[in-house]
Protein backbone atom coordinates (compact mmCIF):
# COMPACT_ATOMS: atom_id res chain seq x y z
CA MET A 1 33.54 1.72 -5.26
CA ASN A 2 36.31 -0.79 -4.31
CA SER A 3 38.80 -0.35 -1.45
CA ASN A 4 41.70 0.74 -3.74
CA ARG A 5 39.64 3.51 -5.28
CA ILE A 6 38.52 4.68 -1.83
CA MET A 7 42.15 4.85 -0.64
CA HIS A 8 43.20 6.73 -3.77
CA TYR A 9 40.37 9.23 -3.19
CA ILE A 10 41.32 9.76 0.47
CA SER A 11 45.04 10.28 -0.29
CA GLY A 12 44.38 12.31 -3.46
CA TYR A 13 45.57 11.63 -7.00
CA VAL A 14 46.13 13.32 -10.35
CA ASN A 15 45.33 12.46 -13.96
CA ILE A 16 48.41 12.97 -16.09
CA THR A 17 49.52 12.86 -19.73
CA VAL A 18 53.01 11.50 -20.49
CA GLU A 19 54.55 12.42 -23.87
CA GLY A 20 57.72 10.86 -25.33
CA TYR A 21 59.26 8.19 -27.57
CA TYR A 22 60.07 5.83 -24.69
CA ILE A 23 56.64 5.28 -23.12
CA GLU A 24 57.24 1.54 -22.54
CA ARG A 25 60.49 2.30 -20.68
CA PHE A 26 58.66 4.93 -18.61
CA ILE A 27 56.08 2.30 -17.52
CA ASN A 28 58.75 -0.31 -16.79
CA ILE A 29 60.74 2.06 -14.54
CA CYS A 30 57.52 2.97 -12.66
CA ASN A 31 56.88 -0.74 -12.06
CA THR A 32 60.45 -1.21 -10.83
CA LYS A 33 60.12 1.71 -8.40
CA LYS A 34 56.64 0.37 -7.41
CA ILE A 35 54.94 3.61 -8.48
CA GLU A 36 51.37 2.52 -9.10
CA LEU A 37 49.78 3.77 -12.32
CA TRP A 38 46.15 3.05 -13.17
CA ASN A 39 43.56 4.07 -15.77
CA LEU A 40 46.29 3.61 -18.39
CA LYS A 41 45.15 4.71 -21.84
CA ARG A 42 47.51 4.85 -24.82
CA LYS A 43 46.40 7.56 -27.24
CA ASN A 44 49.14 6.88 -29.75
CA SER A 45 52.79 5.79 -29.82
CA ILE A 46 54.01 8.89 -27.92
CA LEU A 47 51.05 9.81 -25.65
CA LEU A 48 49.87 8.02 -22.48
CA ASN A 49 47.11 9.02 -20.05
CA ALA A 50 47.26 7.65 -16.50
CA SER A 51 46.43 8.29 -12.85
CA VAL A 52 48.93 8.39 -9.97
CA ASP A 53 48.82 9.14 -6.22
CA ILE A 54 49.79 12.72 -5.44
CA ALA A 55 52.39 11.43 -2.93
CA ARG A 56 54.27 9.56 -5.72
CA PHE A 57 53.87 12.22 -8.39
CA LYS A 58 57.17 13.96 -7.54
CA GLU A 59 59.06 10.73 -8.15
CA LEU A 60 57.87 10.77 -11.76
CA ARG A 61 60.12 13.73 -12.52
CA ASP A 62 63.24 11.55 -12.20
CA VAL A 63 61.62 8.90 -14.36
CA CYS A 64 60.82 11.51 -17.03
CA LYS A 65 64.46 12.68 -17.06
CA LYS A 66 65.70 9.12 -17.61
CA THR A 67 63.19 8.45 -20.41
CA LYS A 68 63.28 11.95 -21.94
CA CYS A 69 59.48 12.25 -21.52
CA LYS A 70 57.36 15.25 -20.66
CA ILE A 71 54.56 15.11 -18.06
CA LYS A 72 51.48 17.29 -17.68
CA ILE A 73 48.73 17.31 -14.98
CA ASN A 74 45.23 17.24 -16.44
CA LYS A 75 43.04 16.96 -13.30
CA LYS A 76 43.46 16.87 -9.53
CA LYS A 77 41.06 14.62 -7.67
CA GLY A 78 40.44 13.36 -4.14
CA LEU A 79 39.66 14.51 -0.63
CA PRO A 80 42.70 16.81 -0.09
CA PHE A 81 41.81 18.87 -3.16
CA THR A 82 38.10 18.98 -2.16
CA ILE A 83 39.01 20.28 1.31
CA LYS A 84 41.39 22.82 -0.19
CA LYS A 85 38.73 23.94 -2.64
CA TYR A 86 36.17 24.65 0.09
CA LYS A 87 38.60 25.75 2.81
CA LYS A 88 37.82 29.38 2.06
CA ARG A 89 34.09 28.68 2.09
CA LYS A 90 33.81 27.73 5.74
CA VAL A 91 30.09 28.51 6.01
CA PHE A 92 29.31 26.25 3.08
CA LEU A 93 31.49 23.48 4.50
CA ILE A 94 29.85 23.75 7.92
CA LEU A 95 26.39 23.65 6.37
CA LEU A 96 27.40 20.61 4.33
CA LEU A 97 28.64 18.81 7.44
CA VAL A 98 25.46 19.75 9.35
CA LEU A 99 23.33 18.43 6.47
CA LEU A 100 25.26 15.16 6.42
CA LEU A 101 24.82 14.88 10.20
CA ILE A 102 21.06 15.48 9.90
CA ILE A 103 20.77 12.83 7.18
CA PHE A 104 22.72 10.39 9.35
CA ILE A 105 20.40 11.04 12.32
CA LEU A 106 17.24 10.76 10.19
CA ALA A 107 18.50 7.44 8.82
CA GLN A 108 18.13 5.92 12.30
CA PHE A 109 14.33 6.35 12.30
CA VAL A 110 11.32 4.86 10.53
CA TRP A 111 9.66 7.45 8.28
CA ASN A 112 7.46 5.30 6.06
CA ILE A 113 5.56 2.02 6.43
CA GLU A 114 4.62 0.13 3.28
CA ILE A 115 2.23 -2.84 3.27
CA GLN A 116 2.41 -5.42 0.48
CA GLY A 117 -0.03 -8.28 -0.05
CA ALA A 118 -3.30 -9.04 1.79
CA ASP A 119 -5.32 -6.72 -0.45
CA ASN A 120 -8.60 -7.78 1.18
CA ILE A 121 -7.47 -6.69 4.65
CA PRO A 122 -7.85 -2.94 5.42
CA ARG A 123 -4.45 -1.22 5.59
CA GLU A 124 -5.60 0.84 8.58
CA GLU A 125 -6.15 -2.30 10.66
CA ILE A 126 -2.61 -3.57 10.01
CA LEU A 127 -1.09 -0.15 10.77
CA ALA A 128 -3.04 0.09 14.04
CA LEU A 129 -1.89 -3.39 15.04
CA VAL A 130 1.81 -2.79 14.38
CA GLN A 131 1.68 0.63 16.06
CA GLU A 132 0.29 -0.99 19.22
CA ASN A 133 3.33 -3.26 19.19
CA GLY A 134 6.02 -0.63 18.75
CA LEU A 135 6.34 -0.18 14.98
CA ALA A 136 5.29 3.33 13.97
CA VAL A 137 6.51 6.30 11.93
CA GLY A 138 9.06 8.23 13.98
CA LYS A 139 10.32 5.22 15.94
CA LEU A 140 14.03 4.42 16.24
CA LYS A 141 14.77 1.43 14.02
CA ASN A 142 16.92 -0.19 16.70
CA SER A 143 14.04 -0.03 19.19
CA VAL A 144 11.68 -2.05 16.97
CA ASP A 145 11.56 -5.78 17.67
CA THR A 146 10.43 -7.02 14.25
CA LYS A 147 10.13 -10.63 15.42
CA GLU A 148 7.78 -9.58 18.21
CA VAL A 149 5.65 -7.53 15.80
CA ILE A 150 5.43 -10.47 13.37
CA ASN A 151 4.39 -12.82 16.19
CA LYS A 152 1.65 -10.39 17.29
CA ILE A 153 0.29 -10.17 13.73
CA ARG A 154 0.13 -13.95 13.45
CA LEU A 155 -1.48 -14.37 16.88
CA GLU A 156 -4.12 -11.67 16.51
CA ARG A 157 -5.06 -12.09 12.83
CA ASP A 158 -6.53 -15.42 11.76
CA ASP A 159 -6.85 -14.09 8.20
CA ILE A 160 -3.06 -13.76 7.80
CA ALA A 161 -1.09 -16.94 7.05
CA TRP A 162 2.40 -15.38 6.88
CA ALA A 163 4.00 -12.05 7.77
CA GLY A 164 7.47 -10.66 7.21
CA ILE A 165 9.11 -7.29 7.92
CA GLU A 166 12.07 -5.72 6.11
CA MET A 167 13.81 -2.45 6.94
CA GLU A 168 15.33 -0.72 3.93
CA GLY A 169 16.73 2.72 4.66
CA THR A 170 14.01 4.64 6.50
CA ASN A 171 11.30 2.52 4.87
CA VAL A 172 9.68 -0.50 6.52
CA ILE A 173 8.08 -3.06 4.22
CA ILE A 174 5.46 -5.34 5.78
CA ARG A 175 4.79 -8.33 3.53
CA LEU A 176 1.62 -10.32 4.21
CA VAL A 177 0.02 -13.47 2.81
CA GLU A 178 -3.70 -13.96 3.41
CA ALA A 179 -4.89 -17.22 4.92
CA ASP A 180 -7.24 -19.41 2.92
CA GLU A 181 -10.70 -19.73 4.39
CA LYS A 182 -10.69 -22.71 6.71
CA PRO A 183 -13.22 -25.42 5.90
CA GLU A 184 -15.96 -25.84 8.45
CA ILE A 185 -15.10 -28.60 10.90
CA VAL A 186 -18.16 -30.60 11.86
CA ASN A 187 -18.16 -31.94 15.41
CA GLU A 188 -20.15 -35.15 15.09
CA ASP A 189 -20.51 -35.43 18.87
CA GLU A 190 -22.36 -32.10 19.13
CA CYS A 191 -26.11 -32.33 18.49
CA CYS A 192 -27.69 -29.49 16.58
CA ASN A 193 -30.65 -28.41 14.47
CA ILE A 194 -30.52 -26.52 11.20
CA VAL A 195 -32.68 -23.40 11.53
CA SER A 196 -33.71 -20.64 9.16
CA ASN A 197 -31.83 -17.35 9.34
CA LYS A 198 -34.30 -15.55 7.04
CA ASN A 199 -37.95 -15.50 6.02
CA GLY A 200 -38.61 -17.32 2.76
CA ILE A 201 -40.36 -19.99 0.71
CA ILE A 202 -38.63 -23.39 0.56
CA THR A 203 -37.57 -24.49 -2.94
CA LYS A 204 -35.30 -27.45 -2.16
CA VAL A 205 -34.51 -29.64 0.88
CA THR A 206 -31.40 -31.81 1.04
CA ALA A 207 -31.03 -33.57 4.41
CA ARG A 208 -27.92 -35.73 4.91
CA ASN A 209 -28.46 -36.25 8.62
CA GLY A 210 -31.42 -35.45 10.90
CA THR A 211 -35.14 -35.19 10.27
CA PRO A 212 -36.44 -32.60 7.74
CA LEU A 213 -39.43 -30.68 9.10
CA VAL A 214 -40.18 -28.63 5.97
CA LYS A 215 -40.83 -29.38 2.33
CA GLU A 216 -40.83 -27.52 -0.96
CA GLY A 217 -43.37 -24.68 -1.00
CA ASP A 218 -43.47 -24.15 2.79
CA LEU A 219 -43.31 -20.59 4.09
CA VAL A 220 -40.81 -20.30 6.95
CA GLN A 221 -39.88 -17.55 9.37
CA GLU A 222 -36.48 -16.67 10.77
CA GLY A 223 -35.66 -19.08 13.61
CA ASP A 224 -37.86 -21.98 12.38
CA ILE A 225 -36.31 -25.45 12.60
CA LEU A 226 -35.72 -26.80 9.09
CA ILE A 227 -33.85 -30.03 9.80
CA ALA A 228 -34.24 -31.39 13.33
CA GLY A 229 -31.20 -32.80 15.07
CA TRP A 230 -32.71 -36.19 15.83
CA LEU A 231 -33.66 -39.47 14.18
CA GLU A 232 -36.44 -41.78 15.32
CA GLY A 233 -36.60 -45.47 14.57
CA LYS A 234 -39.29 -48.01 15.23
CA TYR A 235 -37.09 -50.04 17.53
CA THR A 236 -34.26 -47.64 18.40
CA GLY A 237 -36.46 -44.72 19.50
CA LYS A 238 -35.32 -41.11 19.25
CA GLN A 239 -31.60 -40.46 18.88
CA TYR A 240 -30.12 -36.96 18.81
CA VAL A 241 -27.62 -36.26 16.03
CA HIS A 242 -25.67 -33.48 14.37
CA SER A 243 -28.05 -32.52 11.57
CA GLN A 244 -26.52 -31.77 8.16
CA GLY A 245 -27.97 -30.56 4.89
CA GLU A 246 -28.85 -27.59 2.69
CA ILE A 247 -32.12 -25.71 2.49
CA GLN A 248 -32.69 -23.53 -0.55
CA ALA A 249 -35.39 -20.87 -0.38
CA LYS A 250 -36.69 -17.80 -2.11
CA VAL A 251 -35.95 -14.72 0.01
CA TRP A 252 -36.51 -11.01 -0.56
CA TYR A 253 -34.40 -7.89 -0.25
CA THR A 254 -36.30 -4.63 -0.20
CA THR A 255 -35.23 -0.98 -0.11
CA THR A 256 -37.08 2.31 -0.57
CA GLN A 257 -35.57 5.31 -2.32
CA ARG A 258 -36.91 8.85 -2.23
CA VAL A 259 -36.27 10.84 -5.41
CA GLU A 260 -37.04 14.57 -5.64
CA LEU A 261 -38.68 15.64 -8.88
CA LYS A 262 -36.72 18.88 -8.69
CA GLU A 263 -33.10 18.31 -7.70
CA VAL A 264 -30.14 20.61 -7.30
CA GLN A 265 -27.10 18.97 -8.88
CA LYS A 266 -23.41 19.86 -8.98
CA LYS A 267 -21.76 20.52 -12.32
CA GLU A 268 -18.00 21.06 -12.58
CA THR A 269 -16.96 24.14 -14.53
CA GLY A 270 -13.48 22.82 -15.34
CA ASN A 271 -11.78 25.57 -13.33
CA SER A 272 -9.43 24.51 -10.54
CA GLU A 273 -6.73 25.89 -8.26
CA ASN A 274 -3.83 24.16 -6.53
CA LYS A 275 -2.44 25.25 -3.19
CA TYR A 276 0.36 23.59 -1.28
CA SER A 277 1.45 22.87 2.26
CA ILE A 278 4.34 21.02 3.82
CA LYS A 279 4.02 18.57 6.70
CA ILE A 280 7.08 17.85 8.82
CA ASN A 281 6.18 14.84 10.93
CA ASN A 282 2.98 16.15 12.64
CA PHE A 283 3.60 19.87 12.05
CA GLN A 284 1.96 21.40 8.96
CA ILE A 285 2.85 24.69 7.27
CA ASN A 286 0.48 26.21 4.70
CA PHE A 287 2.17 28.18 1.94
CA ASN A 288 -1.06 29.82 0.79
CA LYS A 289 -3.18 31.52 3.41
CA SER A 290 -5.85 32.80 1.02
CA ILE A 291 -8.96 30.81 0.19
CA PRO A 292 -9.76 29.82 -3.42
CA ASN A 293 -11.31 32.39 -5.74
CA PHE A 294 -14.37 30.17 -6.23
CA GLU A 295 -17.71 30.63 -4.54
CA LYS A 296 -18.48 26.91 -4.57
CA TYR A 297 -15.85 24.20 -4.80
CA ASP A 298 -14.85 20.71 -3.77
CA THR A 299 -11.48 20.01 -2.16
CA ILE A 300 -9.23 17.07 -3.04
CA ASP A 301 -6.05 16.52 -1.02
CA ALA A 302 -3.11 14.44 -2.20
CA SER A 303 0.14 13.94 -0.31
CA LYS A 304 3.57 12.71 -1.35
CA LYS A 305 6.42 11.80 0.96
CA LEU A 306 9.85 13.08 0.05
CA LYS A 307 12.73 10.65 -0.29
CA LEU A 308 16.41 10.93 -1.15
CA PHE A 309 16.73 7.44 -2.59
CA SER A 310 14.33 4.61 -3.37
CA ASN A 311 13.99 3.59 0.29
CA PHE A 312 15.32 6.62 2.17
CA TYR A 313 12.15 8.48 3.10
CA LEU A 314 12.20 11.80 4.96
CA PRO A 315 9.67 12.93 7.61
CA ILE A 316 8.43 15.51 5.10
CA GLU A 317 5.23 15.42 3.06
CA ILE A 318 4.21 17.80 0.29
CA ILE A 319 0.42 18.14 0.33
CA THR A 320 -1.40 19.37 -2.76
CA HIS A 321 -4.84 20.87 -2.16
CA THR A 322 -6.86 20.90 -5.37
CA TYR A 323 -9.98 23.06 -5.39
CA LYS A 324 -12.46 22.28 -8.17
CA GLU A 325 -15.14 24.83 -8.93
CA TYR A 326 -18.70 23.70 -9.51
CA GLU A 327 -22.02 25.32 -10.25
CA GLU A 328 -25.41 24.25 -8.97
CA GLU A 329 -28.14 23.70 -11.48
CA VAL A 330 -31.75 22.74 -10.98
CA VAL A 331 -32.81 19.59 -12.82
CA ILE A 332 -36.48 18.72 -13.32
CA HIS A 333 -37.15 14.97 -13.54
CA SER A 334 -40.15 13.36 -15.10
CA VAL A 335 -41.80 10.59 -13.09
CA GLU A 336 -40.24 7.95 -15.36
CA GLU A 337 -36.76 9.48 -15.01
CA ALA A 338 -37.15 9.67 -11.23
CA LYS A 339 -38.33 6.05 -11.16
CA GLN A 340 -35.21 4.87 -13.01
CA ILE A 341 -32.98 6.92 -10.70
CA GLY A 342 -34.65 5.22 -7.72
CA ILE A 343 -34.12 1.76 -9.24
CA ASP A 344 -30.43 2.53 -9.91
CA ARG A 345 -29.91 3.78 -6.36
CA ALA A 346 -31.62 0.68 -4.94
CA ALA A 347 -29.35 -1.60 -6.99
CA GLU A 348 -26.30 0.26 -5.71
CA GLU A 349 -27.46 0.08 -2.08
CA LEU A 350 -28.08 -3.69 -2.24
CA LYS A 351 -25.06 -4.43 -4.42
CA GLU A 352 -23.02 -6.21 -1.72
CA GLU A 353 -25.94 -8.25 -0.37
CA LEU A 354 -26.94 -9.45 -3.86
CA GLU A 355 -23.42 -10.13 -5.12
CA GLY A 356 -23.05 -13.70 -6.38
CA LYS A 357 -26.73 -14.53 -5.89
CA LYS A 358 -29.21 -15.49 -8.57
CA ILE A 359 -32.02 -12.92 -8.90
CA SER A 360 -35.24 -14.65 -9.91
CA ASP A 361 -37.56 -11.63 -9.85
CA LYS A 362 -37.61 -7.88 -9.31
CA GLN A 363 -40.68 -5.85 -8.32
CA VAL A 364 -40.92 -2.07 -8.36
CA LYS A 365 -43.62 -0.01 -6.64
CA VAL A 366 -43.88 3.75 -7.07
CA LYS A 367 -45.68 6.11 -4.71
CA ASN A 368 -46.30 9.55 -6.22
CA GLU A 369 -46.22 12.68 -4.04
CA THR A 370 -46.35 16.36 -4.96
CA ASP A 371 -42.60 17.08 -5.04
CA TYR A 372 -41.11 13.60 -4.99
CA ILE A 373 -41.72 9.92 -5.55
CA GLU A 374 -40.88 6.89 -3.41
CA VAL A 375 -39.53 3.91 -5.26
CA GLU A 376 -39.74 0.56 -3.46
CA VAL A 377 -37.63 -2.13 -5.12
CA THR A 378 -37.84 -5.78 -4.05
CA TYR A 379 -35.41 -8.40 -5.33
CA GLU A 380 -36.33 -12.07 -5.09
CA VAL A 381 -33.29 -14.36 -4.89
CA GLU A 382 -32.68 -18.03 -4.18
CA GLU A 383 -30.13 -18.89 -1.54
CA ASN A 384 -29.26 -21.25 1.31
CA ILE A 385 -31.00 -20.14 4.53
CA GLY A 386 -29.95 -22.94 6.87
CA ILE A 387 -27.57 -22.38 9.80
CA GLU A 388 -26.60 -24.70 12.63
CA GLU A 389 -28.00 -24.20 16.13
CA LYS A 390 -26.79 -26.29 19.05
CA ILE A 391 -29.41 -28.33 20.93
CA VAL A 392 -29.42 -27.45 24.63
CA PHE A 393 -30.71 -30.30 26.83
């Protein structure tokens, strides 16, 4: 809305229809008298729609007499007419003013914090960090030093390359860019050995500096020296160096899973109930006091913050509690079924440790008991087991 329209609204104006054979003369006289007309729309040769300030409307009567035109008011618009309309509804007007005041006050606070980027960094860690430095839900926006918060993020998080903060309405957007993993900087002046960090059987030795102490096929234990941090020459004697190289070895990951031959499992019936509560800042009100009509159920909570506009959040959350009914049923497993369940559970347990590694072998051992079996799964993988260890003289 431009400044002219705002002024017209504050002073009040009317939409009119002018009828007559001398419409052009009517407009010319208005221009001469500096009576501003806008939203001019010519319907036909004798009809004109226009808008005019209420303060200048009376002057149009003389113009109509001179041009032998008739004038009719179609609509009255603007603040004076709005006040007049609600003058008899004082309670409503007061409530409206109170609501506007509340919205104005709420607009001075932070009611939502949104984090964008850095998907590999837990959101909870970033929220905890910014809260420690003065940026939290419920804080006055003017009291938050965004530059200070950004500096703290950069100083305390090596995994963040860039951080920026924007305040839009009652919403704070924290934009992050993750740092690339820094390449390992080798200090050539620091003498070190390469030692084993796991038990395994050596499959390949690549020594670029230092003296290899193991060869292919050797069995090593955690802590054994693989490449010594020294070189010995016939004439130069022993010289300590920063050993470098890679040692590949076969290592093993083992886990044991117990699987009951008779298990009680959950089965959803498809029946569910929703109950609701409202959370105002840290105060929660439950609309439904009764418990679900199910004997056995799982609860899933989902919350949604209310907002007036895209970035004007309110300190109000609507929480939906979904209760899903389930029945318990007894499932009898055969030994083969139980064995496969154990293998699947073992694979899930070791998923992160085995990710990206080449599995060369898998061994499964089953121990049968009366009511259950124990499944021991061992994965053989090939990986680099060498880590640097400083030589202390």
